[in-house]
Amino acid sequence: LQITGLIFGGVGMVGTLAATVMPQWRVSAYIDGNIVVFETIWEGLWMDCISQLGIRLQCKFYDSVLALPPPLEAFRALMCIAVMLSVISFLMAIVGVKYTHRTKEDPQGISIFILAAGVAFLLTGILVLIPVSWTGGSIIHDFYDPEVPMPLKRELGAALYVGWVSTALLIAAGAMYCSF
């Protein structure tokens, strides 16, 4: 169970990092009758990208941190904290698994690192869940809002799905370690 938690936590950590750096948080939606699509627009936490005919990809980092909308600044901060906390959680889990000693006198013999890693994995899962779900909710709200013009409508990007899977793995790892 400890090794399974370590694997889930490691994959969740990598997924958290991937979701943070991926530019596909919001993806352009094509809902008109136009089948020919020349450009696909991706919007992420750090940059915007335009793919032209699937051949040429052009990405540009945001010019100014101060010009970003406040939710995007908060999501960046939460995801950066989640990445750091997931690395710390994973290292604590490694130490905890390595130094857990079970003896006849103390059959429960768990390391304090196991419990700390479990709580940290749970906290990391919550930190990832907040920006990913908030972004998903706003995309769905804007998609069905008749006042939002068609070219500005977006769909859920791959980074959101990676974030949700990472959240599930991190919470599962945290639950496994806290159950000890």
N, C-alpha and C. Protein backbone atom coordinates (compact mmCIF):
# COMPACT_ATOMS: atom_id res chain seq x y z
N LEU A 1 0.82 -1.20 0.00
CA LEU A 1 0.00 0.00 0.00
C LEU A 1 0.87 1.26 0.00
N GLN A 2 1.98 1.20 0.73
CA GLN A 2 2.88 2.35 0.74
C GLN A 2 3.50 2.59 -0.63
N ILE A 3 3.87 1.51 -1.30
CA ILE A 3 4.47 1.65 -2.63
C ILE A 3 3.42 2.17 -3.63
N THR A 4 2.19 1.68 -3.52
CA THR A 4 1.12 2.16 -4.40
C THR A 4 0.89 3.66 -4.16
N GLY A 5 0.87 4.07 -2.91
CA GLY A 5 0.73 5.49 -2.59
C GLY A 5 1.88 6.31 -3.14
N LEU A 6 3.08 5.73 -3.10
CA LEU A 6 4.25 6.42 -3.64
C LEU A 6 4.14 6.58 -5.15
N ILE A 7 3.65 5.54 -5.83
CA ILE A 7 3.47 5.61 -7.28
C ILE A 7 2.39 6.64 -7.63
N PHE A 8 1.25 6.59 -6.93
CA PHE A 8 0.18 7.56 -7.18
C PHE A 8 0.67 8.98 -6.92
N GLY A 9 1.39 9.16 -5.83
CA GLY A 9 1.91 10.49 -5.51
C GLY A 9 2.91 10.98 -6.53
N GLY A 10 3.77 10.08 -7.02
CA GLY A 10 4.75 10.46 -8.03
C GLY A 10 4.09 10.84 -9.35
N VAL A 11 3.12 10.04 -9.77
CA VAL A 11 2.41 10.36 -11.01
C VAL A 11 1.59 11.65 -10.83
N GLY A 12 0.99 11.83 -9.67
CA GLY A 12 0.25 13.07 -9.39
C GLY A 12 1.17 14.29 -9.39
N MET A 13 2.39 14.11 -8.87
CA MET A 13 3.36 15.20 -8.86
C MET A 13 3.74 15.58 -10.29
N VAL A 14 4.02 14.59 -11.14
CA VAL A 14 4.38 14.86 -12.53
C VAL A 14 3.20 15.50 -13.26
N GLY A 15 1.99 15.01 -13.00
CA GLY A 15 0.80 15.59 -13.62
C GLY A 15 0.56 17.03 -13.19
N THR A 16 0.84 17.33 -11.94
CA THR A 16 0.68 18.70 -11.45
C THR A 16 1.65 19.63 -12.17
N LEU A 17 2.88 19.19 -12.31
CA LEU A 17 3.87 19.99 -13.04
C LEU A 17 3.45 20.16 -14.50
N ALA A 18 2.99 19.07 -15.12
CA ALA A 18 2.57 19.13 -16.52
C ALA A 18 1.39 20.08 -16.70
N ALA A 19 0.39 19.99 -15.83
CA ALA A 19 -0.78 20.86 -15.95
C ALA A 19 -0.40 22.32 -15.75
N THR A 20 0.60 22.57 -14.92
CA THR A 20 1.02 23.95 -14.66
C THR A 20 1.68 24.57 -15.89
N VAL A 21 2.49 23.82 -16.59
CA VAL A 21 3.24 24.39 -17.72
C VAL A 21 2.52 24.25 -19.06
N MET A 22 1.51 23.40 -19.16
CA MET A 22 0.82 23.22 -20.44
C MET A 22 0.04 24.47 -20.83
N PRO A 23 0.07 24.83 -22.12
CA PRO A 23 -0.70 26.00 -22.55
C PRO A 23 -2.16 25.69 -22.88
N GLN A 24 -2.59 24.44 -22.77
CA GLN A 24 -3.94 24.08 -23.18
C GLN A 24 -4.94 24.11 -22.04
N TRP A 25 -5.07 25.21 -21.34
CA TRP A 25 -6.10 25.33 -20.32
C TRP A 25 -7.43 25.68 -20.98
N ARG A 26 -7.39 26.62 -21.89
CA ARG A 26 -8.57 27.02 -22.67
C ARG A 26 -8.22 26.83 -24.13
N VAL A 27 -9.10 26.17 -24.87
CA VAL A 27 -8.86 25.88 -26.29
C VAL A 27 -10.00 26.47 -27.08
N SER A 28 -9.68 27.05 -28.24
CA SER A 28 -10.71 27.68 -29.06
C SER A 28 -11.78 26.67 -29.46
N ALA A 29 -13.02 27.13 -29.43
CA ALA A 29 -14.16 26.28 -29.76
C ALA A 29 -14.71 26.69 -31.12
N TYR A 30 -14.98 25.70 -31.93
CA TYR A 30 -15.57 25.97 -33.25
C TYR A 30 -16.95 25.34 -33.26
N ILE A 31 -17.96 26.20 -33.15
CA ILE A 31 -19.32 25.70 -33.04
C ILE A 31 -20.19 26.15 -34.21
N ASP A 32 -19.61 26.94 -35.12
CA ASP A 32 -20.36 27.33 -36.30
C ASP A 32 -20.34 26.19 -37.31
N GLY A 33 -20.98 26.40 -38.44
CA GLY A 33 -21.00 25.39 -39.49
C GLY A 33 -19.72 25.34 -40.30
N ASN A 34 -18.74 26.19 -39.95
CA ASN A 34 -17.49 26.25 -40.70
C ASN A 34 -16.61 25.05 -40.36
N ILE A 35 -16.37 24.20 -41.34
CA ILE A 35 -15.55 23.01 -41.10
C ILE A 35 -14.07 23.33 -41.26
N VAL A 36 -13.75 24.25 -42.16
CA VAL A 36 -12.35 24.59 -42.41
C VAL A 36 -11.87 25.49 -41.28
N VAL A 37 -10.89 25.02 -40.55
CA VAL A 37 -10.36 25.76 -39.42
C VAL A 37 -8.88 26.01 -39.67
N PHE A 38 -8.50 27.27 -39.71
CA PHE A 38 -7.12 27.61 -39.99
C PHE A 38 -6.29 27.80 -38.73
N GLU A 39 -6.92 28.23 -37.67
CA GLU A 39 -6.18 28.50 -36.45
C GLU A 39 -6.84 27.86 -35.24
N THR A 40 -6.02 27.36 -34.37
CA THR A 40 -6.47 26.87 -33.07
C THR A 40 -5.75 27.70 -32.01
N ILE A 41 -6.49 28.23 -31.08
CA ILE A 41 -5.92 29.09 -30.05
C ILE A 41 -5.92 28.34 -28.73
N TRP A 42 -4.76 28.35 -28.05
CA TRP A 42 -4.62 27.76 -26.73
C TRP A 42 -4.29 28.89 -25.76
N GLU A 43 -4.91 28.84 -24.60
CA GLU A 43 -4.60 29.82 -23.55
C GLU A 43 -4.21 29.05 -22.30
N GLY A 44 -3.05 29.39 -21.73
CA GLY A 44 -2.56 28.72 -20.53
C GLY A 44 -2.30 29.71 -19.42
N LEU A 45 -1.65 29.23 -18.38
CA LEU A 45 -1.31 30.10 -17.26
C LEU A 45 -0.15 31.02 -17.58
N TRP A 46 0.73 30.60 -18.48
CA TRP A 46 1.96 31.33 -18.73
C TRP A 46 2.03 31.93 -20.13
N MET A 47 1.26 31.37 -21.09
CA MET A 47 1.38 31.82 -22.47
C MET A 47 0.12 31.53 -23.26
N ASP A 48 0.03 32.18 -24.40
CA ASP A 48 -0.98 31.89 -25.42
C ASP A 48 -0.27 31.30 -26.62
N CYS A 49 -0.92 30.36 -27.29
CA CYS A 49 -0.35 29.74 -28.48
C CYS A 49 -1.39 29.73 -29.59
N ILE A 50 -0.91 29.86 -30.82
CA ILE A 50 -1.76 29.76 -32.00
C ILE A 50 -1.14 28.71 -32.91
N SER A 51 -1.96 27.72 -33.25
CA SER A 51 -1.54 26.68 -34.18
C SER A 51 -2.23 26.93 -35.50
N GLN A 52 -1.46 27.07 -36.56
CA GLN A 52 -2.02 27.36 -37.87
C GLN A 52 -1.96 26.10 -38.73
N LEU A 53 -3.13 25.59 -39.05
CA LEU A 53 -3.29 24.37 -39.86
C LEU A 53 -2.60 23.16 -39.25
N GLY A 54 -2.32 23.19 -37.97
CA GLY A 54 -1.65 22.07 -37.32
C GLY A 54 -0.20 21.92 -37.72
N ILE A 55 0.33 22.88 -38.47
CA ILE A 55 1.71 22.79 -38.96
C ILE A 55 2.63 23.73 -38.17
N ARG A 56 2.18 24.93 -38.00
CA ARG A 56 3.02 25.96 -37.38
C ARG A 56 2.44 26.34 -36.03
N LEU A 57 3.26 26.26 -35.01
CA LEU A 57 2.83 26.62 -33.65
C LEU A 57 3.62 27.84 -33.20
N GLN A 58 2.89 28.86 -32.78
CA GLN A 58 3.51 30.09 -32.34
C GLN A 58 3.01 30.39 -30.93
N CYS A 59 3.94 30.48 -29.98
CA CYS A 59 3.57 30.75 -28.59
C CYS A 59 4.21 32.06 -28.13
N LYS A 60 3.49 32.74 -27.25
CA LYS A 60 3.99 34.00 -26.71
C LYS A 60 3.67 34.05 -25.22
N PHE A 61 4.71 34.28 -24.42
CA PHE A 61 4.51 34.45 -22.98
C PHE A 61 3.77 35.76 -22.74
N TYR A 62 3.01 35.81 -21.66
CA TYR A 62 2.31 37.04 -21.32
C TYR A 62 3.32 38.14 -21.04
N ASP A 63 3.04 39.34 -21.54
CA ASP A 63 4.01 40.44 -21.47
C ASP A 63 4.26 40.91 -20.05
N SER A 64 3.19 41.12 -19.30
CA SER A 64 3.34 41.72 -17.98
C SER A 64 2.53 40.94 -16.96
N VAL A 65 3.12 40.71 -15.82
CA VAL A 65 2.40 40.05 -14.74
C VAL A 65 1.30 40.97 -14.21
N LEU A 66 1.56 42.27 -14.24
CA LEU A 66 0.59 43.22 -13.70
C LEU A 66 -0.63 43.39 -14.60
N ALA A 67 -0.52 43.01 -15.88
CA ALA A 67 -1.64 43.16 -16.80
C ALA A 67 -2.56 41.95 -16.81
N LEU A 68 -2.22 40.91 -16.07
CA LEU A 68 -3.03 39.70 -16.06
C LEU A 68 -4.28 39.90 -15.20
N PRO A 69 -5.37 39.21 -15.55
CA PRO A 69 -6.55 39.27 -14.68
C PRO A 69 -6.26 38.63 -13.32
N PRO A 70 -6.86 39.14 -12.25
CA PRO A 70 -6.58 38.61 -10.91
C PRO A 70 -6.80 37.10 -10.76
N PRO A 71 -7.84 36.50 -11.37
CA PRO A 71 -7.96 35.04 -11.21
C PRO A 71 -6.77 34.28 -11.80
N LEU A 72 -6.25 34.75 -12.92
CA LEU A 72 -5.10 34.07 -13.53
C LEU A 72 -3.87 34.18 -12.65
N GLU A 73 -3.68 35.32 -12.02
CA GLU A 73 -2.55 35.48 -11.09
C GLU A 73 -2.70 34.51 -9.91
N ALA A 74 -3.92 34.40 -9.39
CA ALA A 74 -4.16 33.50 -8.26
C ALA A 74 -3.96 32.05 -8.68
N PHE A 75 -4.42 31.68 -9.88
CA PHE A 75 -4.26 30.30 -10.34
C PHE A 75 -2.79 29.96 -10.54
N ARG A 76 -2.02 30.91 -11.06
CA ARG A 76 -0.58 30.69 -11.19
C ARG A 76 0.06 30.42 -9.83
N ALA A 77 -0.30 31.26 -8.86
CA ALA A 77 0.28 31.12 -7.53
C ALA A 77 -0.11 29.78 -6.91
N LEU A 78 -1.38 29.41 -7.00
CA LEU A 78 -1.83 28.13 -6.43
C LEU A 78 -1.13 26.94 -7.09
N MET A 79 -0.99 26.98 -8.41
CA MET A 79 -0.34 25.86 -9.10
C MET A 79 1.15 25.79 -8.78
N CYS A 80 1.81 26.93 -8.64
CA CYS A 80 3.23 26.92 -8.27
C CYS A 80 3.42 26.38 -6.85
N ILE A 81 2.55 26.78 -5.94
CA ILE A 81 2.61 26.25 -4.58
C ILE A 81 2.32 24.75 -4.59
N ALA A 82 1.37 24.33 -5.42
CA ALA A 82 1.04 22.90 -5.51
C ALA A 82 2.21 22.10 -6.05
N VAL A 83 2.92 22.64 -7.03
CA VAL A 83 4.09 21.92 -7.58
C VAL A 83 5.15 21.75 -6.50
N MET A 84 5.44 22.84 -5.78
CA MET A 84 6.46 22.75 -4.72
C MET A 84 6.02 21.79 -3.62
N LEU A 85 4.77 21.88 -3.22
CA LEU A 85 4.27 21.01 -2.16
C LEU A 85 4.22 19.55 -2.60
N SER A 86 3.94 19.30 -3.88
CA SER A 86 3.91 17.91 -4.35
C SER A 86 5.32 17.31 -4.35
N VAL A 87 6.32 18.10 -4.68
CA VAL A 87 7.70 17.61 -4.64
C VAL A 87 8.09 17.31 -3.20
N ILE A 88 7.76 18.21 -2.28
CA ILE A 88 8.07 18.00 -0.86
C ILE A 88 7.32 16.78 -0.34
N SER A 89 6.06 16.63 -0.72
CA SER A 89 5.26 15.47 -0.29
C SER A 89 5.87 14.18 -0.78
N PHE A 90 6.28 14.17 -2.03
CA PHE A 90 6.87 12.96 -2.61
C PHE A 90 8.17 12.60 -1.89
N LEU A 91 9.01 13.60 -1.60
CA LEU A 91 10.26 13.33 -0.88
C LEU A 91 9.99 12.82 0.53
N MET A 92 8.98 13.41 1.20
CA MET A 92 8.62 12.93 2.54
C MET A 92 8.10 11.50 2.48
N ALA A 93 7.36 11.17 1.43
CA ALA A 93 6.85 9.80 1.28
C ALA A 93 7.99 8.82 1.05
N ILE A 94 8.97 9.21 0.27
CA ILE A 94 10.14 8.33 0.05
C ILE A 94 10.86 8.08 1.36
N VAL A 95 11.09 9.14 2.11
CA VAL A 95 11.77 8.99 3.41
C VAL A 95 10.92 8.14 4.35
N GLY A 96 9.62 8.37 4.35
CA GLY A 96 8.73 7.62 5.23
C GLY A 96 8.69 6.14 4.89
N VAL A 97 8.64 5.82 3.60
CA VAL A 97 8.62 4.41 3.19
C VAL A 97 9.94 3.75 3.53
N LYS A 98 11.02 4.48 3.33
CA LYS A 98 12.35 3.90 3.58
C LYS A 98 12.61 3.65 5.07
N TYR A 99 12.13 4.55 5.92
CA TYR A 99 12.46 4.44 7.33
C TYR A 99 11.30 3.98 8.20
N THR A 100 10.30 3.32 7.62
CA THR A 100 9.24 2.72 8.42
C THR A 100 9.76 1.39 8.97
N HIS A 101 9.81 1.28 10.27
CA HIS A 101 10.30 0.07 10.91
C HIS A 101 9.17 -0.59 11.68
N ARG A 102 8.96 -1.84 11.39
CA ARG A 102 7.96 -2.61 12.14
C ARG A 102 8.71 -3.63 12.99
N THR A 103 8.41 -3.61 14.26
CA THR A 103 9.03 -4.58 15.17
C THR A 103 7.93 -5.33 15.89
N LYS A 104 8.33 -6.36 16.64
CA LYS A 104 7.33 -7.12 17.40
C LYS A 104 6.75 -6.30 18.53
N GLU A 105 7.54 -5.38 19.08
CA GLU A 105 7.04 -4.53 20.15
C GLU A 105 6.11 -3.44 19.60
N ASP A 106 6.38 -2.98 18.39
CA ASP A 106 5.60 -1.88 17.79
C ASP A 106 5.16 -2.29 16.39
N PRO A 107 4.07 -3.09 16.28
CA PRO A 107 3.64 -3.55 14.96
C PRO A 107 3.10 -2.42 14.08
N GLN A 108 2.68 -1.32 14.70
CA GLN A 108 2.18 -0.19 13.90
C GLN A 108 3.33 0.67 13.39
N GLY A 109 4.48 0.58 13.96
CA GLY A 109 5.69 1.34 13.69
C GLY A 109 5.72 2.17 12.43
N ILE A 110 5.02 3.26 12.40
CA ILE A 110 5.03 4.10 11.21
C ILE A 110 5.90 5.32 11.45
N SER A 111 6.38 5.82 10.38
CA SER A 111 7.19 7.02 10.44
C SER A 111 6.26 8.24 10.44
N ILE A 112 6.69 9.29 11.10
CA ILE A 112 5.94 10.54 11.10
C ILE A 112 5.92 11.12 9.68
N PHE A 113 6.92 10.73 8.89
CA PHE A 113 6.97 11.21 7.51
C PHE A 113 5.81 10.68 6.67
N ILE A 114 5.34 9.47 7.00
CA ILE A 114 4.20 8.89 6.25
C ILE A 114 2.96 9.76 6.46
N LEU A 115 2.68 10.09 7.70
CA LEU A 115 1.51 10.92 7.99
C LEU A 115 1.66 12.31 7.40
N ALA A 116 2.85 12.89 7.53
CA ALA A 116 3.08 14.23 6.97
C ALA A 116 2.93 14.21 5.46
N ALA A 117 3.43 13.16 4.81
CA ALA A 117 3.30 13.05 3.35
C ALA A 117 1.83 12.90 2.96
N GLY A 118 1.07 12.13 3.74
CA GLY A 118 -0.35 11.97 3.45
C GLY A 118 -1.11 13.27 3.52
N VAL A 119 -0.87 14.03 4.58
CA VAL A 119 -1.55 15.32 4.73
C VAL A 119 -1.11 16.27 3.62
N ALA A 120 0.18 16.26 3.29
CA ALA A 120 0.68 17.15 2.24
C ALA A 120 0.12 16.76 0.87
N PHE A 121 -0.01 15.46 0.60
CA PHE A 121 -0.62 15.03 -0.67
C PHE A 121 -2.08 15.47 -0.75
N LEU A 122 -2.81 15.35 0.36
CA LEU A 122 -4.20 15.80 0.37
C LEU A 122 -4.30 17.30 0.12
N LEU A 123 -3.44 18.06 0.77
CA LEU A 123 -3.44 19.51 0.59
C LEU A 123 -3.07 19.88 -0.84
N THR A 124 -2.10 19.17 -1.41
CA THR A 124 -1.70 19.42 -2.80
C THR A 124 -2.85 19.14 -3.75
N GLY A 125 -3.57 18.04 -3.52
CA GLY A 125 -4.72 17.72 -4.35
C GLY A 125 -5.77 18.81 -4.32
N ILE A 126 -6.01 19.37 -3.15
CA ILE A 126 -6.98 20.47 -3.03
C ILE A 126 -6.48 21.72 -3.74
N LEU A 127 -5.17 22.01 -3.60
CA LEU A 127 -4.60 23.18 -4.26
C LEU A 127 -4.68 23.07 -5.78
N VAL A 128 -4.55 21.87 -6.33
CA VAL A 128 -4.67 21.69 -7.77
C VAL A 128 -6.13 21.74 -8.20
N LEU A 129 -7.00 21.20 -7.38
CA LEU A 129 -8.42 21.13 -7.74
C LEU A 129 -9.06 22.51 -7.87
N ILE A 130 -8.66 23.46 -7.05
CA ILE A 130 -9.29 24.78 -7.05
C ILE A 130 -9.12 25.50 -8.39
N PRO A 131 -7.89 25.74 -8.88
CA PRO A 131 -7.79 26.48 -10.16
C PRO A 131 -8.32 25.69 -11.36
N VAL A 132 -8.12 24.37 -11.34
CA VAL A 132 -8.56 23.57 -12.48
C VAL A 132 -10.08 23.56 -12.58
N SER A 133 -10.75 23.34 -11.47
CA SER A 133 -12.22 23.32 -11.49
C SER A 133 -12.81 24.70 -11.71
N TRP A 134 -12.19 25.72 -11.15
CA TRP A 134 -12.68 27.08 -11.34
C TRP A 134 -12.59 27.46 -12.82
N THR A 135 -11.46 27.14 -13.44
CA THR A 135 -11.30 27.43 -14.87
C THR A 135 -12.30 26.64 -15.69
N GLY A 136 -12.49 25.37 -15.38
CA GLY A 136 -13.47 24.56 -16.09
C GLY A 136 -14.87 25.12 -15.96
N GLY A 137 -15.23 25.54 -14.77
CA GLY A 137 -16.55 26.12 -14.55
C GLY A 137 -16.76 27.41 -15.32
N SER A 138 -15.72 28.26 -15.36
CA SER A 138 -15.87 29.52 -16.10
C SER A 138 -15.94 29.28 -17.61
N ILE A 139 -15.21 28.27 -18.10
CA ILE A 139 -15.28 27.95 -19.52
C ILE A 139 -16.69 27.47 -19.89
N ILE A 140 -17.24 26.60 -19.08
CA ILE A 140 -18.59 26.08 -19.35
C ILE A 140 -19.62 27.20 -19.25
N HIS A 141 -19.47 28.08 -18.25
CA HIS A 141 -20.40 29.20 -18.10
C HIS A 141 -20.34 30.11 -19.32
N ASP A 142 -19.14 30.47 -19.77
CA ASP A 142 -18.99 31.36 -20.92
C ASP A 142 -19.47 30.69 -22.21
N PHE A 143 -19.29 29.39 -22.31
CA PHE A 143 -19.69 28.68 -23.53
C PHE A 143 -21.20 28.76 -23.75
N TYR A 144 -21.96 28.66 -22.68
CA TYR A 144 -23.41 28.70 -22.79
C TYR A 144 -24.00 30.09 -22.60
N ASP A 145 -23.17 31.09 -22.38
CA ASP A 145 -23.64 32.46 -22.22
C ASP A 145 -23.89 33.07 -23.59
N PRO A 146 -25.12 33.47 -23.90
CA PRO A 146 -25.39 34.02 -25.23
C PRO A 146 -24.75 35.38 -25.47
N GLU A 147 -24.33 36.06 -24.42
CA GLU A 147 -23.72 37.38 -24.60
C GLU A 147 -22.24 37.31 -24.99
N VAL A 148 -21.61 36.13 -24.83
CA VAL A 148 -20.22 35.97 -25.21
C VAL A 148 -20.17 35.71 -26.72
N PRO A 149 -19.42 36.53 -27.47
CA PRO A 149 -19.35 36.33 -28.92
C PRO A 149 -18.74 34.97 -29.28
N MET A 150 -19.16 34.40 -30.41
CA MET A 150 -18.70 33.07 -30.84
C MET A 150 -17.18 32.95 -30.90
N PRO A 151 -16.44 33.93 -31.43
CA PRO A 151 -14.97 33.76 -31.50
C PRO A 151 -14.29 33.71 -30.14
N LEU A 152 -14.96 34.19 -29.10
CA LEU A 152 -14.35 34.20 -27.77
C LEU A 152 -14.72 32.98 -26.92
N LYS A 153 -15.56 32.12 -27.44
CA LYS A 153 -15.94 30.92 -26.69
C LYS A 153 -14.78 29.94 -26.70
N ARG A 154 -14.58 29.28 -25.57
CA ARG A 154 -13.48 28.32 -25.42
C ARG A 154 -14.03 26.99 -24.93
N GLU A 155 -13.21 25.94 -25.13
CA GLU A 155 -13.54 24.60 -24.63
C GLU A 155 -12.51 24.20 -23.60
N LEU A 156 -12.81 23.12 -22.89
CA LEU A 156 -11.89 22.60 -21.88
C LEU A 156 -10.65 22.06 -22.56
N GLY A 157 -9.48 22.46 -22.09
CA GLY A 157 -8.23 22.01 -22.67
C GLY A 157 -7.68 20.78 -21.97
N ALA A 158 -6.65 20.21 -22.56
CA ALA A 158 -6.04 18.99 -22.04
C ALA A 158 -5.44 19.19 -20.65
N ALA A 159 -4.94 20.39 -20.37
CA ALA A 159 -4.33 20.65 -19.07
C ALA A 159 -5.33 20.48 -17.93
N LEU A 160 -6.59 20.81 -18.19
CA LEU A 160 -7.60 20.65 -17.15
C LEU A 160 -7.83 19.18 -16.83
N TYR A 161 -7.87 18.35 -17.86
CA TYR A 161 -8.05 16.91 -17.63
C TYR A 161 -6.84 16.32 -16.90
N VAL A 162 -5.64 16.77 -17.27
CA VAL A 162 -4.43 16.32 -16.57
C VAL A 162 -4.51 16.76 -15.11
N GLY A 163 -4.98 17.97 -14.87
CA GLY A 163 -5.11 18.47 -13.50
C GLY A 163 -6.10 17.66 -12.68
N TRP A 164 -7.24 17.29 -13.29
CA TRP A 164 -8.23 16.50 -12.56
C TRP A 164 -7.72 15.10 -12.24
N VAL A 165 -7.02 14.48 -13.17
CA VAL A 165 -6.45 13.16 -12.91
C VAL A 165 -5.38 13.27 -11.83
N SER A 166 -4.55 14.29 -11.90
CA SER A 166 -3.52 14.49 -10.87
C SER A 166 -4.14 14.70 -9.50
N THR A 167 -5.23 15.46 -9.45
CA THR A 167 -5.93 15.67 -8.18
C THR A 167 -6.40 14.35 -7.61
N ALA A 168 -7.01 13.52 -8.45
CA ALA A 168 -7.51 12.22 -7.97
C ALA A 168 -6.36 11.36 -7.45
N LEU A 169 -5.24 11.34 -8.17
CA LEU A 169 -4.10 10.53 -7.73
C LEU A 169 -3.49 11.07 -6.44
N LEU A 170 -3.37 12.38 -6.33
CA LEU A 170 -2.80 12.97 -5.11
C LEU A 170 -3.68 12.72 -3.90
N ILE A 171 -5.00 12.85 -4.08
CA ILE A 171 -5.91 12.60 -2.96
C ILE A 171 -5.90 11.12 -2.59
N ALA A 172 -5.82 10.24 -3.59
CA ALA A 172 -5.74 8.80 -3.31
C ALA A 172 -4.47 8.47 -2.54
N ALA A 173 -3.34 9.07 -2.96
CA ALA A 173 -2.07 8.84 -2.27
C ALA A 173 -2.14 9.37 -0.84
N GLY A 174 -2.71 10.55 -0.68
CA GLY A 174 -2.85 11.12 0.66
C GLY A 174 -3.72 10.28 1.55
N ALA A 175 -4.82 9.75 0.99
CA ALA A 175 -5.71 8.90 1.78
C ALA A 175 -5.01 7.60 2.18
N MET A 176 -4.21 7.04 1.27
CA MET A 176 -3.48 5.81 1.61
C MET A 176 -2.50 6.06 2.74
N TYR A 177 -1.77 7.15 2.67
CA TYR A 177 -0.79 7.41 3.73
C TYR A 177 -1.43 7.82 5.03
N CYS A 178 -2.53 8.54 4.97
CA CYS A 178 -3.21 8.90 6.21
C CYS A 178 -3.90 7.72 6.86
N SER A 179 -4.21 6.67 6.08
CA SER A 179 -4.87 5.50 6.66
C SER A 179 -3.92 4.66 7.50
N PHE A 180 -2.61 4.89 7.37
CA PHE A 180 -1.67 4.15 8.20
C PHE A 180 -1.76 4.66 9.63
